[in-house]
């Protein structure tokens, strides 16, 4: 059963009652919009909490199962799960670089010069 709000208001003769009903209708719309916004925010919070529970912090990176290595700065500051790129070994150390914030992180592993076919001499 659909009621046409404008037709209903036209039937009401009392101007004060008409104004009250119109105000209540407006408040109802605002509450529906606020409810939708709050539900969306709650969904985002739940999704972030789910990702947080799956992330493991190790060697200045976040790891998520088999999905790869992620930037701690981007996740902690902006809630962006940005995959890290492995860089060329600098001075024999293994490092990763974030394509979003340009953060470089070393994981403390020394790479033997012959592992990657790099001539270090």
N, C-alpha and C. Protein backbone atom coordinates (compact mmCIF):
# COMPACT_ATOMS: atom_id res chain seq x y z
N UNK A 1 0.85 -1.18 0.00
CA UNK A 1 0.00 0.00 0.00
C UNK A 1 0.89 1.24 0.00
N UNK A 2 0.82 2.00 -1.07
CA UNK A 2 1.63 3.19 -1.20
C UNK A 2 0.75 4.41 -0.98
N UNK A 3 1.20 5.29 -0.12
CA UNK A 3 0.47 6.53 0.16
C UNK A 3 1.25 7.67 -0.44
N UNK A 4 0.58 8.47 -1.25
CA UNK A 4 1.21 9.64 -1.84
C UNK A 4 1.23 10.73 -0.77
N UNK A 5 2.41 11.07 -0.32
CA UNK A 5 2.56 12.01 0.78
C UNK A 5 1.94 13.37 0.45
N UNK A 6 2.18 13.88 -0.74
CA UNK A 6 1.65 15.21 -1.10
C UNK A 6 0.13 15.22 -1.11
N UNK A 7 -0.51 14.15 -1.60
CA UNK A 7 -1.98 14.09 -1.60
C UNK A 7 -2.51 14.03 -0.18
N UNK A 8 -1.80 13.30 0.69
CA UNK A 8 -2.21 13.20 2.08
C UNK A 8 -2.15 14.56 2.77
N UNK A 9 -1.09 15.30 2.53
CA UNK A 9 -0.92 16.62 3.15
C UNK A 9 -1.99 17.59 2.65
N UNK A 10 -2.36 17.48 1.38
CA UNK A 10 -3.39 18.37 0.83
C UNK A 10 -4.75 18.14 1.49
N UNK A 11 -5.01 16.93 1.97
CA UNK A 11 -6.27 16.62 2.63
C UNK A 11 -6.38 17.24 4.01
N UNK A 12 -5.26 17.57 4.59
CA UNK A 12 -5.25 18.12 5.96
C UNK A 12 -5.55 19.60 5.88
N UNK A 13 -6.58 20.02 6.62
CA UNK A 13 -7.02 21.42 6.59
C UNK A 13 -6.26 22.30 7.57
N UNK A 14 -5.86 21.73 8.69
CA UNK A 14 -5.18 22.51 9.73
C UNK A 14 -3.74 22.81 9.29
N UNK A 15 -3.38 24.11 9.11
CA UNK A 15 -2.04 24.45 8.64
C UNK A 15 -0.93 24.05 9.62
N UNK A 16 -1.20 24.13 10.92
CA UNK A 16 -0.18 23.73 11.90
C UNK A 16 0.10 22.22 11.82
N UNK A 17 -0.96 21.44 11.69
CA UNK A 17 -0.81 19.99 11.57
C UNK A 17 -0.09 19.65 10.26
N UNK A 18 -0.45 20.36 9.20
CA UNK A 18 0.21 20.15 7.90
C UNK A 18 1.71 20.42 8.02
N UNK A 19 2.07 21.50 8.70
CA UNK A 19 3.49 21.87 8.89
C UNK A 19 4.21 20.81 9.72
N UNK A 20 3.55 20.31 10.78
CA UNK A 20 4.17 19.28 11.64
C UNK A 20 4.43 18.00 10.84
N UNK A 21 3.45 17.60 10.04
CA UNK A 21 3.60 16.37 9.26
C UNK A 21 4.73 16.54 8.25
N UNK A 22 4.79 17.69 7.61
CA UNK A 22 5.86 17.95 6.64
C UNK A 22 7.22 17.91 7.33
N UNK A 23 7.32 18.51 8.52
CA UNK A 23 8.58 18.48 9.28
C UNK A 23 8.97 17.05 9.65
N UNK A 24 7.99 16.27 10.11
CA UNK A 24 8.27 14.88 10.47
C UNK A 24 8.72 14.07 9.26
N UNK A 25 8.12 14.34 8.12
CA UNK A 25 8.52 13.65 6.89
C UNK A 25 9.97 13.98 6.55
N UNK A 26 10.34 15.24 6.68
CA UNK A 26 11.72 15.66 6.42
C UNK A 26 12.69 15.02 7.40
N UNK A 27 12.31 14.96 8.67
CA UNK A 27 13.17 14.32 9.68
C UNK A 27 13.33 12.83 9.38
N UNK A 28 12.26 12.21 8.89
CA UNK A 28 12.32 10.79 8.54
C UNK A 28 13.34 10.56 7.42
N UNK A 29 13.32 11.41 6.42
CA UNK A 29 14.28 11.29 5.32
C UNK A 29 15.71 11.47 5.84
N UNK A 30 15.91 12.48 6.72
CA UNK A 30 17.25 12.71 7.28
C UNK A 30 17.72 11.50 8.08
N UNK A 31 16.82 10.91 8.87
CA UNK A 31 17.20 9.74 9.67
C UNK A 31 17.55 8.55 8.77
N UNK A 32 16.82 8.38 7.68
CA UNK A 32 17.13 7.30 6.75
C UNK A 32 18.51 7.50 6.12
N UNK A 33 18.82 8.74 5.74
CA UNK A 33 20.13 9.04 5.16
C UNK A 33 21.23 8.81 6.18
N UNK A 34 21.02 9.24 7.41
CA UNK A 34 22.02 9.05 8.46
C UNK A 34 22.20 7.56 8.76
N UNK A 35 21.12 6.82 8.78
CA UNK A 35 21.18 5.37 9.00
C UNK A 35 22.00 4.70 7.90
N UNK A 36 21.77 5.09 6.66
CA UNK A 36 22.52 4.53 5.54
C UNK A 36 24.01 4.86 5.68
N UNK A 37 24.31 6.10 6.04
CA UNK A 37 25.71 6.52 6.22
C UNK A 37 26.38 5.72 7.35
N UNK A 38 25.70 5.56 8.47
CA UNK A 38 26.26 4.82 9.60
C UNK A 38 26.46 3.34 9.26
N UNK A 39 25.53 2.76 8.51
CA UNK A 39 25.69 1.36 8.10
C UNK A 39 26.91 1.20 7.19
N UNK A 40 27.10 2.18 6.30
CA UNK A 40 28.27 2.13 5.42
C UNK A 40 29.56 2.24 6.21
N UNK A 41 29.60 3.17 7.18
CA UNK A 41 30.79 3.33 8.02
C UNK A 41 31.06 2.06 8.82
N UNK A 42 30.01 1.46 9.35
CA UNK A 42 30.16 0.22 10.11
C UNK A 42 30.72 -0.89 9.23
N UNK A 43 30.24 -0.99 8.01
CA UNK A 43 30.75 -2.00 7.07
C UNK A 43 32.24 -1.78 6.80
N UNK A 44 32.64 -0.51 6.61
CA UNK A 44 34.06 -0.21 6.39
C UNK A 44 34.90 -0.61 7.59
N UNK A 45 34.39 -0.33 8.80
CA UNK A 45 35.11 -0.68 10.03
C UNK A 45 35.25 -2.20 10.14
N UNK A 46 34.19 -2.92 9.81
CA UNK A 46 34.24 -4.39 9.86
C UNK A 46 35.25 -4.94 8.85
N UNK A 47 35.26 -4.36 7.65
CA UNK A 47 36.21 -4.81 6.63
C UNK A 47 37.64 -4.54 7.05
N UNK A 48 37.89 -3.36 7.64
CA UNK A 48 39.24 -3.02 8.11
C UNK A 48 39.65 -3.98 9.24
N UNK A 49 38.73 -4.25 10.16
CA UNK A 49 39.04 -5.16 11.27
C UNK A 49 39.35 -6.56 10.75
N UNK A 50 38.65 -7.00 9.71
CA UNK A 50 38.91 -8.31 9.13
C UNK A 50 40.31 -8.34 8.53
N UNK A 51 40.66 -7.31 7.79
CA UNK A 51 42.00 -7.25 7.19
C UNK A 51 43.05 -7.19 8.29
N UNK A 52 42.81 -6.34 9.32
CA UNK A 52 43.75 -6.24 10.45
C UNK A 52 44.00 -7.60 11.08
N UNK A 53 42.95 -8.40 11.21
CA UNK A 53 43.11 -9.71 11.86
C UNK A 53 43.90 -10.68 10.98
N UNK A 54 43.94 -10.43 9.67
CA UNK A 54 44.67 -11.32 8.75
C UNK A 54 46.12 -10.91 8.55
N UNK A 55 46.47 -9.67 8.91
CA UNK A 55 47.82 -9.16 8.69
C UNK A 55 48.78 -9.63 9.78
N UNK A 56 49.97 -9.98 9.34
CA UNK A 56 51.04 -10.35 10.27
C UNK A 56 52.17 -9.34 10.06
N UNK A 57 52.64 -8.73 11.16
CA UNK A 57 53.73 -7.75 11.08
C UNK A 57 55.05 -8.45 11.32
N UNK A 58 55.95 -8.34 10.33
CA UNK A 58 57.26 -8.97 10.46
C UNK A 58 58.22 -8.24 9.53
N UNK A 59 59.44 -7.98 9.99
CA UNK A 59 60.47 -7.33 9.18
C UNK A 59 60.00 -5.98 8.62
N UNK A 60 59.31 -5.20 9.41
CA UNK A 60 58.83 -3.87 8.99
C UNK A 60 57.83 -3.93 7.83
N UNK A 61 57.19 -5.06 7.64
CA UNK A 61 56.19 -5.22 6.59
C UNK A 61 54.96 -5.88 7.18
N UNK A 62 53.87 -5.80 6.42
CA UNK A 62 52.70 -6.62 6.73
C UNK A 62 52.63 -7.74 5.70
N UNK A 63 52.30 -8.92 6.19
CA UNK A 63 52.10 -10.08 5.34
C UNK A 63 50.67 -10.55 5.53
N UNK A 64 50.06 -10.97 4.42
CA UNK A 64 48.68 -11.46 4.49
C UNK A 64 48.61 -12.77 3.71
N UNK A 65 48.77 -13.86 4.41
CA UNK A 65 48.73 -15.17 3.77
C UNK A 65 49.69 -15.26 2.60
N UNK A 66 49.20 -15.72 1.50
CA UNK A 66 49.99 -15.87 0.29
C UNK A 66 49.87 -14.64 -0.62
N UNK A 67 49.16 -13.61 -0.16
CA UNK A 67 48.89 -12.44 -1.00
C UNK A 67 50.10 -11.55 -1.22
N UNK A 68 51.10 -11.64 -0.40
CA UNK A 68 52.28 -10.82 -0.61
C UNK A 68 52.68 -10.00 0.60
N UNK A 69 53.48 -8.99 0.31
CA UNK A 69 54.06 -8.12 1.32
C UNK A 69 53.46 -6.73 1.14
N UNK A 70 53.05 -6.11 2.26
CA UNK A 70 52.35 -4.83 2.17
C UNK A 70 53.02 -3.76 3.02
N UNK A 71 52.82 -2.51 2.62
CA UNK A 71 53.43 -1.35 3.27
C UNK A 71 52.75 -1.04 4.60
N UNK A 72 53.55 -0.99 5.66
CA UNK A 72 53.00 -0.67 6.98
C UNK A 72 52.56 0.78 7.07
N UNK A 73 53.32 1.69 6.46
CA UNK A 73 52.98 3.11 6.51
C UNK A 73 51.63 3.37 5.85
N UNK A 74 51.41 2.81 4.66
CA UNK A 74 50.15 3.05 3.93
C UNK A 74 48.95 2.46 4.67
N UNK A 75 49.12 1.27 5.26
CA UNK A 75 48.00 0.66 5.97
C UNK A 75 47.73 1.40 7.28
N UNK A 76 48.79 1.67 8.05
CA UNK A 76 48.61 2.30 9.35
C UNK A 76 48.08 3.73 9.24
N UNK A 77 48.53 4.48 8.24
CA UNK A 77 48.14 5.89 8.12
C UNK A 77 46.88 6.08 7.29
N UNK A 78 46.72 5.31 6.20
CA UNK A 78 45.66 5.59 5.24
C UNK A 78 44.70 4.42 4.99
N UNK A 79 44.91 3.31 5.69
CA UNK A 79 44.10 2.11 5.49
C UNK A 79 44.10 1.66 4.03
N UNK A 80 45.28 1.79 3.39
CA UNK A 80 45.45 1.31 2.02
C UNK A 80 46.38 0.11 2.06
N UNK A 81 45.93 -0.97 1.49
CA UNK A 81 46.74 -2.19 1.46
C UNK A 81 47.53 -2.18 0.15
N UNK A 82 48.74 -1.61 0.21
CA UNK A 82 49.58 -1.42 -0.97
C UNK A 82 50.68 -2.47 -0.97
N UNK A 83 50.73 -3.23 -2.04
CA UNK A 83 51.76 -4.25 -2.19
C UNK A 83 53.13 -3.63 -2.42
N UNK A 84 54.15 -4.20 -1.81
CA UNK A 84 55.52 -3.70 -1.95
C UNK A 84 56.22 -4.36 -3.13
N UNK A 85 57.13 -3.62 -3.73
CA UNK A 85 57.94 -4.14 -4.83
C UNK A 85 59.34 -4.43 -4.30
N UNK A 86 59.86 -5.58 -4.66
CA UNK A 86 61.22 -5.91 -4.22
C UNK A 86 62.21 -5.16 -5.10
N UNK A 87 63.14 -4.47 -4.45
CA UNK A 87 64.14 -3.69 -5.18
C UNK A 87 65.40 -4.49 -5.44
N UNK A 88 66.25 -3.92 -6.25
CA UNK A 88 67.56 -4.52 -6.49
C UNK A 88 68.35 -4.45 -5.20
N UNK A 89 69.16 -5.44 -4.93
CA UNK A 89 69.87 -5.44 -3.65
C UNK A 89 70.84 -4.27 -3.56
N UNK A 90 70.62 -3.43 -2.56
CA UNK A 90 71.52 -2.32 -2.32
C UNK A 90 72.55 -2.74 -1.30
N UNK A 91 73.80 -2.69 -1.65
CA UNK A 91 74.89 -3.09 -0.74
C UNK A 91 74.68 -4.49 -0.20
N UNK A 92 74.03 -5.33 -1.00
CA UNK A 92 73.84 -6.72 -0.60
C UNK A 92 72.67 -6.95 0.33
N UNK A 93 71.87 -5.92 0.63
CA UNK A 93 70.72 -6.10 1.50
C UNK A 93 69.45 -6.20 0.69
N UNK A 94 68.57 -7.05 1.13
CA UNK A 94 67.26 -7.21 0.48
C UNK A 94 66.34 -6.09 0.98
N UNK A 95 65.72 -5.38 0.03
CA UNK A 95 64.80 -4.33 0.45
C UNK A 95 63.56 -4.29 -0.44
N UNK A 96 62.54 -3.61 0.07
CA UNK A 96 61.28 -3.46 -0.64
C UNK A 96 60.93 -1.99 -0.70
N UNK A 97 60.19 -1.62 -1.75
CA UNK A 97 59.81 -0.23 -1.96
C UNK A 97 58.30 -0.15 -2.17
N UNK A 98 57.68 0.88 -1.59
CA UNK A 98 56.25 1.09 -1.76
C UNK A 98 56.01 2.02 -2.94
N UNK A 99 55.22 1.61 -3.93
CA UNK A 99 54.95 2.47 -5.08
C UNK A 99 54.03 3.64 -4.75
N UNK A 100 53.37 3.59 -3.59
CA UNK A 100 52.44 4.65 -3.21
C UNK A 100 53.13 5.77 -2.44
N UNK A 101 53.86 5.42 -1.38
CA UNK A 101 54.45 6.45 -0.51
C UNK A 101 55.98 6.51 -0.64
N UNK A 102 56.55 5.65 -1.48
CA UNK A 102 58.00 5.62 -1.74
C UNK A 102 58.84 5.25 -0.52
N UNK A 103 58.25 4.60 0.45
CA UNK A 103 59.00 4.13 1.60
C UNK A 103 59.81 2.90 1.21
N UNK A 104 61.07 2.88 1.61
CA UNK A 104 61.94 1.72 1.40
C UNK A 104 62.18 1.05 2.75
N UNK A 105 62.09 -0.27 2.77
CA UNK A 105 62.34 -0.99 4.01
C UNK A 105 63.29 -2.15 3.73
N UNK A 106 64.26 -2.27 4.61
CA UNK A 106 65.21 -3.38 4.55
C UNK A 106 64.77 -4.42 5.54
N UNK A 107 64.89 -5.68 5.15
CA UNK A 107 64.43 -6.73 6.05
C UNK A 107 65.58 -7.43 6.76
N UNK A 108 66.78 -6.93 6.59
CA UNK A 108 67.91 -7.45 7.34
C UNK A 108 68.53 -8.70 6.76
N UNK A 109 68.10 -9.10 5.58
CA UNK A 109 68.72 -10.28 4.94
C UNK A 109 69.85 -9.81 4.04
N UNK A 110 70.97 -10.47 4.19
CA UNK A 110 72.10 -10.18 3.31
C UNK A 110 71.99 -11.10 2.11
N UNK A 111 72.11 -10.54 0.93
CA UNK A 111 72.03 -11.32 -0.30
C UNK A 111 73.44 -11.52 -0.83
N UNK A 112 73.81 -12.77 -1.00
CA UNK A 112 75.12 -13.07 -1.56
C UNK A 112 75.20 -12.50 -2.98
N UNK A 113 76.33 -11.93 -3.34
CA UNK A 113 76.45 -11.33 -4.66
C UNK A 113 76.13 -12.26 -5.82
N UNK A 114 76.39 -13.55 -5.70
CA UNK A 114 76.16 -14.46 -6.80
C UNK A 114 74.71 -14.94 -6.88
N UNK A 115 73.90 -14.64 -5.86
CA UNK A 115 72.51 -15.13 -5.82
C UNK A 115 71.71 -14.56 -6.99
N UNK A 116 71.94 -13.31 -7.31
CA UNK A 116 71.19 -12.66 -8.37
C UNK A 116 72.01 -12.44 -9.62
N UNK A 117 73.20 -12.98 -9.66
CA UNK A 117 74.04 -12.82 -10.82
C UNK A 117 74.65 -11.41 -10.92
N UNK A 118 74.70 -10.71 -9.79
CA UNK A 118 75.24 -9.36 -9.77
C UNK A 118 76.73 -9.45 -9.47
N UNK A 119 77.52 -8.74 -10.24
CA UNK A 119 78.96 -8.70 -10.00
C UNK A 119 79.25 -7.56 -9.04
N UNK A 120 79.62 -7.87 -7.81
CA UNK A 120 79.82 -6.85 -6.76
C UNK A 120 81.28 -6.39 -6.70
N UNK A 121 82.11 -6.84 -7.57
CA UNK A 121 83.53 -6.48 -7.45
C UNK A 121 83.88 -5.35 -8.35
